Amino acid sequence: MKKLLFSLLLAIPLFASAQGLDHDLSFGLRNNADVKKLQQFLTDQKVYAGDVNGNFFSMTLKAVKAFQTKQGVVPASGYVGTKTRTKINVLSVSSANTQASINKTNTDLKTPVKLQPEQPATTTATSTIPTATSTPAITTPKPPAPPIVSNNDQPQVQNPQPAPIETWEQREAKGFINADQKGWGSLIMTNALGEKRYYRKEGNQWVRKNSEAEAGQAYVDPQVLEAYRILTDNLNRQAEENRRQQQLVSEESRKQSELSHKIYQQQQTQQCQDRYDRAAASSKATAENNYGYYTNIIATTPSDEYFADHGLAYSGYRQQADQKRNEAHAELVRIAAKYDADLQILKGTLQICLNAAAQ
């Protein structure tokens, strides 16, 4: 009984350390219970020599990468996801069972076997037939054999084979098809670990969102909205034109109407051009203002020759000046690109306006 209790006491820490990881772990976690389990496991695997403190920092990240490389987990990024957690859980259970069996065997070998003391001889009247020259036969019972303790007394725990876990990619592939067939605009998915993800249909694609509320917001494609506005304007304009045409009962009225329509088109065309000119001028003024600001920064920042002349060629001031000039040059490039993009948008808007006015 004492041997059994001693074996169980030796096995308890191992089974405790073999508890599985329930959540994905990543760099930056602090005072996390699962991170402590992970660090203890990596220490047992001899790939981690740091403190078991629950902080997922650089040493833990390096140890996870080493373990992933050793176990063939691809990619070995240091992120403890489904594949890595499965490896850790299986190895933890297997290691705990193996060590518990070894401890049990060592305990049996180290425990001294107490033999029963030899009993005094007793006579048995029926064991032999007495003769004239012999005394009754005396038999000495043998001491009881020590109990045989088998290593198989402990129930053998089969290493559990992890059930295949459906990845997010597989779950998303099926979920998106099902949602498209049902015409849904938002979707919530839950995996086997109870983790949730939220999606919203945007055009022809499903886009992941941060919350259920964000996924449930109605999505309107900007291009569709603009096309609808243009279509509505055209239909309204056409309806108005038809109504006026029906009111013309004479040739003079028809000619007057045509003249009026021509004037209307010219006015609309001029308004389109005026709006374009104002917007283009505003965009240009903004670009020139910003361009002048960063050009002035480049001009007023001390040059390499200035630092060389003053013996500051390798000082931190020169590095700051170089960084400031580089950032200013990058802003100039960005300003020019934005100005070109704004002009393209304005030109497209002008063309749409002109086409509508020509109707």
Protein backbone atom coordinates (compact mmCIF):
# COMPACT_ATOMS: atom_id res chain seq x y z
CA MET A 1 0.00 0.00 0.00
CA LYS A 2 2.87 2.37 0.87
CA LYS A 3 4.57 1.60 -2.44
CA LEU A 4 1.41 2.37 -4.35
CA LEU A 5 0.93 5.70 -2.56
CA PHE A 6 4.57 6.63 -3.15
CA SER A 7 4.21 5.86 -6.89
CA LEU A 8 1.09 7.97 -7.12
CA LEU A 9 2.82 10.88 -5.36
CA LEU A 10 5.69 10.71 -7.86
CA ALA A 11 3.28 10.64 -10.81
CA ILE A 12 1.08 13.55 -9.68
CA PRO A 13 3.47 16.38 -10.80
CA LEU A 14 3.95 14.72 -14.14
CA PHE A 15 0.23 14.47 -14.83
CA ALA A 16 -0.21 18.06 -13.71
CA SER A 17 2.49 19.22 -16.11
CA ALA A 18 0.82 17.28 -18.88
CA GLN A 19 -2.30 19.40 -18.82
CA GLY A 20 -3.03 20.56 -22.34
CA LEU A 21 -2.98 24.06 -23.73
CA ASP A 22 -6.50 25.34 -24.35
CA HIS A 23 -5.79 28.57 -26.24
CA ASP A 24 -3.51 29.89 -28.96
CA LEU A 25 -0.50 31.77 -27.57
CA SER A 26 1.50 34.58 -29.14
CA PHE A 27 4.38 36.92 -28.43
CA GLY A 28 3.70 39.67 -25.87
CA LEU A 29 1.42 37.82 -23.41
CA ARG A 30 2.10 38.57 -19.71
CA ASN A 31 1.40 36.57 -16.53
CA ASN A 32 -0.50 33.95 -18.52
CA ALA A 33 -1.21 30.52 -17.00
CA ASP A 34 -1.02 28.73 -20.37
CA VAL A 35 2.31 30.45 -21.09
CA LYS A 36 3.63 28.99 -17.81
CA LYS A 37 2.55 25.51 -18.96
CA LEU A 38 4.23 26.15 -22.30
CA GLN A 39 7.49 27.29 -20.65
CA GLN A 40 7.53 24.24 -18.35
CA PHE A 41 6.97 21.96 -21.35
CA LEU A 42 9.75 23.64 -23.35
CA THR A 43 12.06 23.31 -20.34
CA ASP A 44 11.34 19.56 -20.24
CA GLN A 45 12.07 19.45 -23.99
CA LYS A 46 15.47 21.13 -23.30
CA VAL A 47 14.84 24.01 -25.71
CA TYR A 48 14.12 26.65 -23.03
CA ALA A 49 16.35 27.72 -20.14
CA GLY A 50 14.53 30.82 -18.91
CA ASP A 51 12.19 31.50 -16.00
CA VAL A 52 8.73 29.92 -15.86
CA ASN A 53 6.97 33.23 -15.26
CA GLY A 54 4.09 33.30 -17.76
CA ASN A 55 5.63 36.07 -19.93
CA PHE A 56 5.82 35.30 -23.67
CA PHE A 57 8.89 37.29 -24.67
CA SER A 58 11.99 36.75 -26.84
CA MET A 59 13.41 33.69 -25.03
CA THR A 60 10.07 31.91 -25.12
CA LEU A 61 9.57 32.87 -28.78
CA LYS A 62 12.99 31.46 -29.69
CA ALA A 63 12.26 28.23 -27.80
CA VAL A 64 8.88 27.79 -29.56
CA LYS A 65 10.55 28.24 -32.96
CA ALA A 66 13.16 25.63 -32.04
CA PHE A 67 10.44 23.19 -30.95
CA GLN A 68 8.41 23.79 -34.14
CA THR A 69 11.49 23.18 -36.29
CA LYS A 70 12.26 20.00 -34.37
CA GLN A 71 8.69 18.70 -34.75
CA GLY A 72 8.33 19.72 -38.40
CA VAL A 73 5.63 22.36 -37.80
CA VAL A 74 5.46 24.71 -40.78
CA PRO A 75 5.86 27.61 -40.62
CA ALA A 76 8.14 27.79 -37.55
CA SER A 77 6.96 31.31 -36.72
CA GLY A 78 6.87 31.12 -32.92
CA TYR A 79 3.06 31.41 -32.84
CA VAL A 80 1.43 28.60 -30.79
CA GLY A 81 -1.58 27.76 -32.94
CA THR A 82 -3.64 24.62 -33.47
CA LYS A 83 -0.83 22.50 -34.99
CA THR A 84 1.71 23.40 -32.31
CA ARG A 85 -0.78 22.96 -29.44
CA THR A 86 -1.72 19.50 -30.73
CA LYS A 87 1.96 18.47 -30.81
CA ILE A 88 2.52 19.80 -27.28
CA ASN A 89 -0.60 18.14 -25.83
CA VAL A 90 0.21 14.74 -27.36
CA LEU A 91 3.86 14.85 -26.25
CA SER A 92 2.86 16.02 -22.75
CA VAL A 93 0.45 13.10 -22.22
CA SER A 94 2.96 10.59 -23.65
CA SER A 95 5.81 11.95 -21.52
CA ALA A 96 3.69 11.90 -18.37
CA ASN A 97 2.63 8.27 -18.91
CA THR A 98 6.19 7.13 -19.65
CA GLN A 99 7.66 8.91 -16.63
CA ALA A 100 4.93 7.61 -14.32
CA SER A 101 5.70 4.06 -15.44
CA ILE A 102 9.44 4.58 -14.85
CA ASN A 103 8.82 6.02 -11.39
CA LYS A 104 6.59 3.06 -10.52
CA THR A 105 9.28 0.59 -11.59
CA ASN A 106 12.03 2.45 -9.72
CA THR A 107 9.90 2.55 -6.59
CA ASP A 108 9.30 -1.21 -6.73
CA LEU A 109 13.03 -1.85 -7.17
CA LYS A 110 14.06 0.45 -4.35
CA THR A 111 11.50 -0.76 -1.80
CA PRO A 112 13.00 -3.55 0.37
CA VAL A 113 11.01 -6.76 0.55
CA LYS A 114 10.33 -7.87 4.08
CA LEU A 115 10.44 -11.66 4.51
CA GLN A 116 8.21 -13.35 7.00
CA PRO A 117 10.11 -14.77 10.01
CA GLU A 118 10.60 -18.52 10.00
CA GLN A 119 7.88 -20.33 11.95
CA PRO A 120 8.74 -23.00 14.51
CA ALA A 121 8.44 -26.57 13.33
CA THR A 122 5.14 -28.26 13.80
CA THR A 123 4.33 -31.94 13.76
CA THR A 124 1.75 -33.36 11.47
CA ALA A 125 0.29 -36.66 12.41
CA THR A 126 -0.74 -37.58 8.91
CA SER A 127 2.40 -36.63 6.99
CA THR A 128 4.37 -39.93 7.55
CA ILE A 129 3.87 -43.51 8.91
CA PRO A 130 5.88 -43.99 12.11
CA THR A 131 8.31 -46.97 12.32
CA ALA A 132 10.04 -48.57 15.13
CA THR A 133 13.19 -46.52 14.76
CA SER A 134 11.83 -43.24 13.47
CA THR A 135 10.14 -40.28 15.02
CA PRO A 136 7.12 -38.60 13.52
CA ALA A 137 8.05 -36.60 10.43
CA ILE A 138 8.38 -32.88 11.01
CA THR A 139 7.73 -30.42 8.21
CA THR A 140 8.75 -26.79 8.33
CA PRO A 141 6.51 -24.48 6.35
CA LYS A 142 8.31 -22.22 3.92
CA PRO A 143 8.09 -18.50 4.46
CA PRO A 144 5.55 -16.85 2.19
CA ALA A 145 6.97 -15.56 -1.03
CA PRO A 146 7.22 -11.80 -1.32
CA PRO A 147 4.37 -10.28 -3.23
CA ILE A 148 5.11 -9.87 -6.92
CA VAL A 149 4.40 -6.42 -8.09
CA SER A 150 4.09 -6.11 -11.81
CA ASN A 151 4.78 -2.97 -13.74
CA ASN A 152 1.46 -3.59 -15.38
CA ASP A 153 -0.48 -2.98 -12.15
CA GLN A 154 -0.97 0.57 -13.25
CA PRO A 155 -3.62 0.91 -15.93
CA GLN A 156 -1.94 1.52 -19.21
CA VAL A 157 -3.01 4.84 -20.64
CA GLN A 158 -3.08 4.79 -24.38
CA ASN A 159 -1.64 7.85 -26.01
CA PRO A 160 -4.68 9.63 -27.36
CA GLN A 161 -4.65 10.16 -31.05
CA PRO A 162 -5.67 13.75 -31.66
CA ALA A 163 -8.82 14.02 -33.66
CA PRO A 164 -8.31 15.90 -36.91
CA ILE A 165 -8.99 19.59 -36.24
CA GLU A 166 -10.63 21.55 -38.96
CA THR A 167 -8.55 24.60 -39.82
CA TRP A 168 -10.02 28.06 -40.18
CA GLU A 169 -9.29 27.93 -43.90
CA GLN A 170 -11.34 24.74 -44.31
CA ARG A 171 -14.15 26.09 -42.14
CA GLU A 172 -14.22 29.38 -44.05
CA ALA A 173 -14.28 27.65 -47.44
CA LYS A 174 -17.44 25.73 -46.52
CA GLY A 175 -19.03 28.57 -44.58
CA PHE A 176 -18.65 31.12 -47.38
CA ILE A 177 -20.20 28.77 -49.94
CA ASN A 178 -23.15 28.05 -47.65
CA ALA A 179 -23.64 31.75 -46.86
CA ASP A 180 -23.54 32.68 -50.57
CA GLN A 181 -26.14 30.04 -51.37
CA LYS A 182 -28.45 31.43 -48.68
CA GLY A 183 -27.84 35.04 -49.68
CA TRP A 184 -26.45 36.14 -46.32
CA GLY A 185 -24.65 39.46 -45.92
CA SER A 186 -22.85 38.64 -42.65
CA LEU A 187 -21.49 35.48 -41.07
CA ILE A 188 -20.26 34.29 -37.65
CA MET A 189 -18.09 31.16 -37.42
CA THR A 190 -17.09 29.18 -34.30
CA ASN A 191 -14.35 26.52 -34.25
CA ALA A 192 -13.97 23.47 -32.00
CA LEU A 193 -12.27 25.57 -29.31
CA GLY A 194 -15.15 28.02 -29.10
CA GLU A 195 -13.27 30.81 -30.86
CA LYS A 196 -15.39 33.09 -33.00
CA ARG A 197 -14.73 35.04 -36.17
CA TYR A 198 -16.96 37.59 -37.87
CA TYR A 199 -17.31 38.29 -41.59
CA ARG A 200 -19.21 40.68 -43.85
CA LYS A 201 -19.92 40.31 -47.55
CA GLU A 202 -18.33 43.21 -49.43
CA GLY A 203 -18.90 42.96 -53.14
CA ASN A 204 -17.83 39.46 -54.19
CA GLN A 205 -15.59 38.87 -51.18
CA TRP A 206 -16.02 37.95 -47.54
CA VAL A 207 -14.03 40.29 -45.32
CA ARG A 208 -13.16 39.47 -41.70
CA LYS A 209 -14.31 42.03 -39.10
CA ASN A 210 -13.41 42.64 -35.45
CA SER A 211 -16.86 42.28 -33.90
CA GLU A 212 -20.39 41.05 -34.54
CA ALA A 213 -21.67 44.64 -34.64
CA GLU A 214 -19.15 45.59 -37.33
CA ALA A 215 -20.00 42.52 -39.39
CA GLY A 216 -23.72 43.32 -39.15
CA GLN A 217 -23.41 46.83 -40.56
CA ALA A 218 -24.94 47.25 -43.99
CA TYR A 219 -22.36 47.45 -46.76
CA VAL A 220 -22.82 49.69 -49.76
CA ASP A 221 -20.30 49.51 -52.57
CA PRO A 222 -19.20 53.10 -53.35
CA GLN A 223 -19.12 52.37 -57.07
CA VAL A 224 -22.63 50.94 -56.95
CA LEU A 225 -23.83 53.97 -55.00
CA GLU A 226 -22.32 56.38 -57.52
CA ALA A 227 -23.77 54.42 -60.44
CA TYR A 228 -27.20 54.47 -58.78
CA ARG A 229 -26.99 58.23 -58.29
CA ILE A 230 -26.06 58.79 -61.92
CA LEU A 231 -28.81 56.46 -63.09
CA THR A 232 -31.36 58.23 -60.92
CA ASP A 233 -30.30 61.63 -62.24
CA ASN A 234 -30.53 60.43 -65.81
CA LEU A 235 -33.96 58.92 -65.26
CA ASN A 236 -35.23 62.08 -63.60
CA ARG A 237 -33.84 64.19 -66.40
CA GLN A 238 -35.40 61.94 -69.00
CA ALA A 239 -38.74 62.01 -67.25
CA GLU A 240 -38.67 65.77 -67.14
CA GLU A 241 -37.77 65.94 -70.80
CA ASN A 242 -40.62 63.61 -71.73
CA ARG A 243 -43.07 65.65 -69.76
CA ARG A 244 -42.03 68.82 -71.49
CA GLN A 245 -42.13 67.17 -74.89
CA GLN A 246 -45.72 66.13 -74.31
CA GLN A 247 -46.66 69.73 -73.59
CA LEU A 248 -45.37 70.95 -76.92
CA VAL A 249 -48.40 71.22 -79.23
CA SER A 250 -46.91 73.25 -82.01
CA GLU A 251 -43.77 73.56 -84.07
CA GLU A 252 -42.92 76.84 -82.45
CA SER A 253 -43.15 75.26 -79.05
CA ARG A 254 -40.98 72.38 -80.25
CA LYS A 255 -38.31 74.75 -81.55
CA GLN A 256 -38.45 76.75 -78.39
CA SER A 257 -38.09 73.60 -76.41
CA GLU A 258 -35.07 72.52 -78.43
CA LEU A 259 -33.48 75.90 -77.93
CA SER A 260 -34.16 75.76 -74.24
CA HIS A 261 -32.71 72.29 -74.02
CA LYS A 262 -29.58 73.38 -75.84
CA ILE A 263 -29.15 76.29 -73.49
CA TYR A 264 -29.69 73.93 -70.57
CA GLN A 265 -26.99 71.59 -71.88
CA GLN A 266 -24.58 74.47 -72.26
CA GLN A 267 -25.31 75.65 -68.76
CA GLN A 268 -24.85 72.19 -67.37
CA THR A 269 -21.62 71.78 -69.29
CA GLN A 270 -20.34 75.10 -68.00
CA GLN A 271 -21.29 74.19 -64.44
CA CYS A 272 -19.45 70.89 -64.78
CA GLN A 273 -16.36 72.67 -66.05
CA ASP A 274 -16.56 75.31 -63.30
CA ARG A 275 -16.81 72.67 -60.59
CA TYR A 276 -13.84 70.83 -62.06
CA ASP A 277 -11.75 74.00 -62.30
CA ARG A 278 -12.46 74.94 -58.68
CA ALA A 279 -11.69 71.47 -57.36
CA ALA A 280 -8.51 71.16 -59.46
CA ALA A 281 -7.31 74.60 -58.33
CA SER A 282 -7.96 73.73 -54.69
CA SER A 283 -6.09 70.42 -55.00
CA LYS A 284 -3.18 72.15 -56.73
CA ALA A 285 -2.99 74.87 -54.07
CA THR A 286 -2.93 72.29 -51.32
CA ALA A 287 -0.22 70.30 -53.09
CA GLU A 288 1.90 73.41 -53.71
CA ASN A 289 1.53 74.52 -50.10
CA ASN A 290 2.61 71.13 -48.77
CA TYR A 291 5.33 70.87 -51.38
CA GLY A 292 6.74 74.24 -50.35
CA TYR A 293 6.66 73.28 -46.68
CA TYR A 294 8.75 70.14 -47.13
CA THR A 295 11.03 71.81 -49.66
CA ASN A 296 11.78 74.45 -47.05
CA ILE A 297 12.60 71.71 -44.54
CA ILE A 298 15.12 70.21 -46.96
CA ALA A 299 16.62 73.62 -47.68
CA THR A 300 16.97 74.61 -44.01
CA THR A 301 18.33 71.28 -42.75
CA PRO A 302 22.15 71.41 -42.35
CA SER A 303 24.00 69.60 -45.14
CA ASP A 304 26.74 66.99 -44.89
CA GLU A 305 29.33 69.66 -45.71
CA TYR A 306 28.13 71.73 -42.72
CA PHE A 307 28.70 68.86 -40.31
CA ALA A 308 32.05 68.05 -41.88
CA ASP A 309 33.24 71.67 -41.57
CA HIS A 310 32.23 71.74 -37.90
CA GLY A 311 33.72 68.38 -37.03
CA LEU A 312 30.31 66.73 -36.51
CA ALA A 313 30.47 64.30 -39.43
CA TYR A 314 29.66 61.29 -37.24
CA SER A 315 27.52 62.88 -34.58
CA GLY A 316 23.91 62.11 -33.77
CA TYR A 317 22.94 65.55 -35.09
CA ARG A 318 23.98 64.52 -38.58
CA GLN A 319 21.94 61.34 -38.37
CA GLN A 320 18.90 63.35 -37.28
CA ALA A 321 19.42 65.78 -40.16
CA ASP A 322 19.73 62.93 -42.67
CA GLN A 323 16.56 61.33 -41.34
CA LYS A 324 14.69 64.64 -41.50
CA ARG A 325 15.74 65.22 -45.12
CA ASN A 326 14.81 61.67 -46.12
CA GLU A 327 11.38 62.01 -44.54
CA ALA A 328 10.85 65.32 -46.31
CA HIS A 329 11.82 63.79 -49.68
CA ALA A 330 9.38 60.92 -49.05
CA GLU A 331 6.59 63.41 -48.29
CA LEU A 332 7.32 65.27 -51.54
CA VAL A 333 6.92 62.05 -53.49
CA ARG A 334 3.68 61.25 -51.65
CA ILE A 335 2.28 64.76 -52.28
CA ALA A 336 3.01 64.52 -56.00
CA ALA A 337 1.40 61.07 -56.24
CA LYS A 338 -1.69 62.23 -54.34
CA TYR A 339 -2.05 65.29 -56.57
CA ASP A 340 -1.91 63.12 -59.71
CA ALA A 341 -4.47 60.71 -58.25
CA ASP A 342 -6.80 63.59 -57.31
CA LEU A 343 -6.61 64.99 -60.83
CA GLN A 344 -7.52 61.61 -62.32
CA ILE A 345 -10.57 61.37 -60.06
CA LEU A 346 -11.64 64.92 -60.92
CA LYS A 347 -11.28 64.23 -64.64
CA GLY A 348 -13.42 61.13 -64.35
CA THR A 349 -16.07 63.09 -62.46
CA LEU A 350 -16.00 65.83 -65.11
CA GLN A 351 -16.55 63.30 -67.88
CA ILE A 352 -19.55 61.79 -66.10
CA CYS A 353 -21.02 65.26 -65.61
CA LEU A 354 -20.48 66.17 -69.27
CA ASN A 355 -22.11 62.93 -70.46
CA ALA A 356 -25.14 63.63 -68.30
CA ALA A 357 -25.42 67.18 -69.62
CA ALA A 358 -25.33 65.95 -73.22
CA GLN A 359 -28.45 63.82 -72.76
